[in-house]
Amino acid sequence: MTAVTYSGAAKMSIANDYTLNSIGAVVIGGTSLFGGVGSAVGSIFGAFVMRTVGDLLIVFDINPVLQPLFVGLVLLVAVCAGSLRVLRIKNKLDLYR
């Protein structure tokens, strides 16, 4: 909604750049892609982490074409770290606690 109010036009392609960042922020914030429970505070923390990664890429003068690659790598590390929790659980009911 914010992007629509800034641009003044409602296009379907207006938020394509934010899809990876929004999913990444939620996953880094602690919400599992396998289901379960997440928190708003964790998602806000994940958004701060994603913003910091984006700002550091600008500071280190990384090519803008390569920036989604680095964001994807951060997301991949977060998903792998969350998957380790799923692999360690012996009782499947403990996954949803």
N, C-alpha and C. Protein backbone atom coordinates (compact mmCIF):
# COMPACT_ATOMS: atom_id res chain seq x y z
N MET A 1 0.82 -1.19 0.00
CA MET A 1 0.00 0.00 0.00
C MET A 1 0.87 1.26 0.00
N THR A 2 1.96 1.20 0.74
CA THR A 2 2.83 2.37 0.80
C THR A 2 3.45 2.67 -0.55
N ALA A 3 3.86 1.61 -1.25
CA ALA A 3 4.46 1.81 -2.58
C ALA A 3 3.45 2.40 -3.55
N VAL A 4 2.21 2.01 -3.44
CA VAL A 4 1.18 2.56 -4.32
C VAL A 4 0.95 4.04 -4.02
N THR A 5 0.96 4.42 -2.75
CA THR A 5 0.74 5.83 -2.43
C THR A 5 1.93 6.69 -2.85
N TYR A 6 3.14 6.14 -2.80
CA TYR A 6 4.30 6.91 -3.24
C TYR A 6 4.33 7.08 -4.76
N SER A 7 3.99 6.03 -5.48
CA SER A 7 4.09 6.09 -6.94
C SER A 7 2.86 6.73 -7.59
N GLY A 8 1.72 6.61 -6.95
CA GLY A 8 0.51 7.16 -7.52
C GLY A 8 -0.14 6.26 -8.56
N ALA A 9 0.39 5.05 -8.73
CA ALA A 9 -0.17 4.12 -9.70
C ALA A 9 -0.21 2.73 -9.08
N ALA A 10 -1.25 1.98 -9.43
CA ALA A 10 -1.38 0.63 -8.92
C ALA A 10 -1.01 -0.36 -10.03
N LYS A 11 0.25 -0.76 -10.05
CA LYS A 11 0.72 -1.73 -11.03
C LYS A 11 1.04 -3.04 -10.32
N MET A 12 0.87 -4.13 -11.03
CA MET A 12 1.15 -5.42 -10.43
C MET A 12 2.65 -5.62 -10.20
N SER A 13 3.48 -5.02 -11.00
CA SER A 13 4.92 -5.23 -10.90
C SER A 13 5.60 -4.28 -9.92
N ILE A 14 4.84 -3.49 -9.19
CA ILE A 14 5.44 -2.46 -8.34
C ILE A 14 6.16 -3.06 -7.13
N ALA A 15 5.75 -4.22 -6.67
CA ALA A 15 6.33 -4.78 -5.45
C ALA A 15 7.20 -6.01 -5.72
N ASN A 16 7.58 -6.25 -6.95
CA ASN A 16 8.42 -7.41 -7.25
C ASN A 16 9.76 -7.36 -6.53
N ASP A 17 10.29 -6.17 -6.33
CA ASP A 17 11.58 -6.04 -5.68
C ASP A 17 11.53 -6.35 -4.19
N TYR A 18 10.37 -6.30 -3.59
CA TYR A 18 10.24 -6.47 -2.15
C TYR A 18 9.84 -7.88 -1.74
N THR A 19 9.55 -8.76 -2.67
CA THR A 19 9.09 -10.10 -2.33
C THR A 19 10.16 -10.90 -1.61
N LEU A 20 11.36 -10.94 -2.16
CA LEU A 20 12.45 -11.69 -1.54
C LEU A 20 12.81 -11.11 -0.18
N ASN A 21 12.83 -9.80 -0.07
CA ASN A 21 13.18 -9.17 1.20
C ASN A 21 12.13 -9.44 2.28
N SER A 22 10.87 -9.44 1.92
CA SER A 22 9.84 -9.66 2.93
C SER A 22 9.84 -11.11 3.41
N ILE A 23 10.01 -12.05 2.51
CA ILE A 23 10.09 -13.46 2.93
C ILE A 23 11.35 -13.68 3.75
N GLY A 24 12.46 -13.09 3.32
CA GLY A 24 13.71 -13.22 4.06
C GLY A 24 13.62 -12.64 5.45
N ALA A 25 12.96 -11.51 5.62
CA ALA A 25 12.83 -10.90 6.94
C ALA A 25 12.04 -11.79 7.89
N VAL A 26 10.99 -12.40 7.40
CA VAL A 26 10.17 -13.27 8.25
C VAL A 26 10.94 -14.54 8.62
N VAL A 27 11.68 -15.11 7.68
CA VAL A 27 12.44 -16.33 7.96
C VAL A 27 13.60 -16.04 8.91
N ILE A 28 14.31 -14.94 8.70
CA ILE A 28 15.40 -14.58 9.60
C ILE A 28 14.85 -14.25 10.98
N GLY A 29 13.64 -13.74 11.04
CA GLY A 29 13.01 -13.42 12.32
C GLY A 29 12.59 -14.63 13.12
N GLY A 30 12.68 -15.82 12.55
CA GLY A 30 12.41 -17.02 13.33
C GLY A 30 11.20 -17.82 12.91
N THR A 31 10.44 -17.38 11.94
CA THR A 31 9.29 -18.14 11.48
C THR A 31 9.77 -19.25 10.56
N SER A 32 9.35 -20.47 10.84
CA SER A 32 9.80 -21.61 10.06
C SER A 32 9.00 -21.73 8.77
N LEU A 33 9.67 -22.11 7.71
CA LEU A 33 8.96 -22.36 6.45
C LEU A 33 8.21 -23.69 6.49
N PHE A 34 8.46 -24.49 7.52
CA PHE A 34 7.78 -25.78 7.66
C PHE A 34 6.50 -25.65 8.46
N GLY A 35 6.14 -24.46 8.86
CA GLY A 35 4.96 -24.26 9.68
C GLY A 35 5.37 -24.01 11.12
N GLY A 36 4.43 -23.68 11.94
CA GLY A 36 4.76 -23.42 13.34
C GLY A 36 4.40 -22.01 13.72
N VAL A 37 5.15 -21.46 14.65
CA VAL A 37 4.81 -20.18 15.25
C VAL A 37 5.91 -19.17 14.96
N GLY A 38 5.51 -17.96 14.66
CA GLY A 38 6.45 -16.86 14.50
C GLY A 38 5.97 -15.68 15.33
N SER A 39 6.81 -14.69 15.48
CA SER A 39 6.41 -13.53 16.27
C SER A 39 6.64 -12.25 15.47
N ALA A 40 5.89 -11.23 15.81
CA ALA A 40 6.04 -9.94 15.13
C ALA A 40 7.38 -9.30 15.48
N VAL A 41 7.83 -9.48 16.69
CA VAL A 41 9.12 -8.91 17.11
C VAL A 41 10.25 -9.56 16.32
N GLY A 42 10.18 -10.87 16.14
CA GLY A 42 11.18 -11.57 15.35
C GLY A 42 11.18 -11.11 13.90
N SER A 43 10.01 -10.88 13.35
CA SER A 43 9.92 -10.41 11.96
C SER A 43 10.49 -9.01 11.81
N ILE A 44 10.26 -8.16 12.80
CA ILE A 44 10.83 -6.81 12.77
C ILE A 44 12.35 -6.89 12.87
N PHE A 45 12.86 -7.77 13.74
CA PHE A 45 14.30 -7.98 13.83
C PHE A 45 14.86 -8.48 12.50
N GLY A 46 14.16 -9.39 11.86
CA GLY A 46 14.58 -9.89 10.55
C GLY A 46 14.59 -8.79 9.50
N ALA A 47 13.62 -7.88 9.58
CA ALA A 47 13.59 -6.75 8.64
C ALA A 47 14.79 -5.84 8.86
N PHE A 48 15.17 -5.63 10.13
CA PHE A 48 16.36 -4.83 10.41
C PHE A 48 17.61 -5.50 9.87
N VAL A 49 17.69 -6.82 10.00
CA VAL A 49 18.85 -7.55 9.48
C VAL A 49 18.93 -7.43 7.97
N MET A 50 17.80 -7.62 7.31
CA MET A 50 17.78 -7.51 5.84
C MET A 50 18.14 -6.10 5.39
N ARG A 51 17.67 -5.10 6.11
CA ARG A 51 18.00 -3.71 5.76
C ARG A 51 19.49 -3.45 5.96
N THR A 52 20.05 -4.01 7.04
CA THR A 52 21.47 -3.84 7.30
C THR A 52 22.31 -4.51 6.22
N VAL A 53 21.90 -5.69 5.78
CA VAL A 53 22.62 -6.37 4.69
C VAL A 53 22.56 -5.52 3.42
N GLY A 54 21.40 -4.99 3.10
CA GLY A 54 21.27 -4.13 1.92
C GLY A 54 22.11 -2.88 2.02
N ASP A 55 22.15 -2.26 3.19
CA ASP A 55 22.96 -1.06 3.37
C ASP A 55 24.45 -1.36 3.29
N LEU A 56 24.87 -2.51 3.83
CA LEU A 56 26.28 -2.88 3.76
C LEU A 56 26.71 -3.17 2.33
N LEU A 57 25.82 -3.73 1.53
CA LEU A 57 26.14 -3.96 0.13
C LEU A 57 26.35 -2.65 -0.61
N ILE A 58 25.60 -1.63 -0.24
CA ILE A 58 25.78 -0.32 -0.85
C ILE A 58 27.09 0.31 -0.36
N VAL A 59 27.38 0.17 0.93
CA VAL A 59 28.61 0.74 1.48
C VAL A 59 29.84 0.11 0.84
N PHE A 60 29.81 -1.21 0.63
CA PHE A 60 30.95 -1.90 0.03
C PHE A 60 30.96 -1.81 -1.49
N ASP A 61 30.04 -1.04 -2.05
CA ASP A 61 29.97 -0.76 -3.48
C ASP A 61 29.85 -2.03 -4.32
N ILE A 62 28.94 -2.91 -3.91
CA ILE A 62 28.64 -4.12 -4.66
C ILE A 62 27.71 -3.74 -5.82
N ASN A 63 27.92 -4.36 -6.95
CA ASN A 63 27.11 -4.09 -8.14
C ASN A 63 25.62 -4.33 -7.81
N PRO A 64 24.74 -3.40 -8.14
CA PRO A 64 23.31 -3.57 -7.83
C PRO A 64 22.69 -4.81 -8.45
N VAL A 65 23.26 -5.31 -9.53
CA VAL A 65 22.74 -6.53 -10.15
C VAL A 65 23.01 -7.74 -9.24
N LEU A 66 24.09 -7.70 -8.49
CA LEU A 66 24.48 -8.83 -7.64
C LEU A 66 23.86 -8.76 -6.24
N GLN A 67 23.23 -7.67 -5.88
CA GLN A 67 22.69 -7.53 -4.53
C GLN A 67 21.60 -8.55 -4.21
N PRO A 68 20.68 -8.89 -5.11
CA PRO A 68 19.71 -9.95 -4.77
C PRO A 68 20.38 -11.31 -4.56
N LEU A 69 21.52 -11.54 -5.18
CA LEU A 69 22.25 -12.78 -4.95
C LEU A 69 22.71 -12.88 -3.50
N PHE A 70 23.25 -11.80 -2.97
CA PHE A 70 23.71 -11.81 -1.58
C PHE A 70 22.53 -11.91 -0.61
N VAL A 71 21.43 -11.25 -0.92
CA VAL A 71 20.24 -11.36 -0.09
C VAL A 71 19.72 -12.80 -0.12
N GLY A 72 19.77 -13.43 -1.27
CA GLY A 72 19.37 -14.84 -1.39
C GLY A 72 20.29 -15.76 -0.60
N LEU A 73 21.57 -15.46 -0.56
CA LEU A 73 22.50 -16.27 0.23
C LEU A 73 22.22 -16.13 1.72
N VAL A 74 21.89 -14.94 2.17
CA VAL A 74 21.52 -14.75 3.57
C VAL A 74 20.25 -15.53 3.88
N LEU A 75 19.29 -15.50 2.97
CA LEU A 75 18.06 -16.26 3.15
C LEU A 75 18.33 -17.76 3.16
N LEU A 76 19.22 -18.22 2.31
CA LEU A 76 19.58 -19.64 2.28
C LEU A 76 20.20 -20.09 3.59
N VAL A 77 21.07 -19.28 4.15
CA VAL A 77 21.69 -19.61 5.44
C VAL A 77 20.63 -19.66 6.54
N ALA A 78 19.68 -18.73 6.52
CA ALA A 78 18.62 -18.71 7.53
C ALA A 78 17.72 -19.93 7.41
N VAL A 79 17.39 -20.34 6.20
CA VAL A 79 16.55 -21.53 6.01
C VAL A 79 17.29 -22.78 6.45
N CYS A 80 18.57 -22.86 6.14
CA CYS A 80 19.37 -24.03 6.57
C CYS A 80 19.47 -24.11 8.09
N ALA A 81 19.64 -22.96 8.73
CA ALA A 81 19.71 -22.95 10.19
C ALA A 81 18.36 -23.37 10.80
N GLY A 82 17.27 -22.95 10.20
CA GLY A 82 15.96 -23.37 10.68
C GLY A 82 15.68 -24.84 10.41
N SER A 83 16.25 -25.37 9.34
CA SER A 83 16.05 -26.78 9.03
C SER A 83 16.78 -27.70 10.00
N LEU A 84 17.87 -27.22 10.57
CA LEU A 84 18.59 -28.02 11.55
C LEU A 84 17.72 -28.33 12.76
N ARG A 85 16.88 -27.38 13.14
CA ARG A 85 15.96 -27.61 14.25
C ARG A 85 14.98 -28.73 13.93
N VAL A 86 14.50 -28.75 12.70
CA VAL A 86 13.54 -29.78 12.28
C VAL A 86 14.21 -31.15 12.25
N LEU A 87 15.45 -31.20 11.82
CA LEU A 87 16.15 -32.48 11.74
C LEU A 87 16.49 -33.07 13.11
N ARG A 88 16.66 -32.22 14.12
CA ARG A 88 17.01 -32.70 15.45
C ARG A 88 15.82 -33.21 16.24
N ILE A 89 14.61 -32.90 15.83
CA ILE A 89 13.42 -33.27 16.59
C ILE A 89 13.08 -34.73 16.35
N LYS A 90 12.91 -35.46 17.45
CA LYS A 90 12.55 -36.88 17.36
C LYS A 90 11.04 -37.07 17.36
N ASN A 91 10.33 -36.27 18.14
CA ASN A 91 8.89 -36.34 18.19
C ASN A 91 8.33 -35.19 17.35
N LYS A 92 7.52 -35.50 16.37
CA LYS A 92 7.01 -34.49 15.44
C LYS A 92 6.12 -33.45 16.13
N LEU A 93 5.53 -33.79 17.27
CA LEU A 93 4.69 -32.82 17.97
C LEU A 93 5.53 -31.70 18.60
N ASP A 94 6.80 -31.96 18.88
CA ASP A 94 7.67 -30.93 19.45
C ASP A 94 7.95 -29.82 18.44
N LEU A 95 7.73 -30.07 17.17
CA LEU A 95 7.98 -29.08 16.14
C LEU A 95 7.06 -27.87 16.29
N TYR A 96 5.86 -28.07 16.81
CA TYR A 96 4.86 -27.01 16.88
C TYR A 96 4.78 -26.37 18.26
N ARG A 97 5.76 -26.56 19.10
CA ARG A 97 5.79 -25.94 20.43
C ARG A 97 6.66 -24.73 20.43
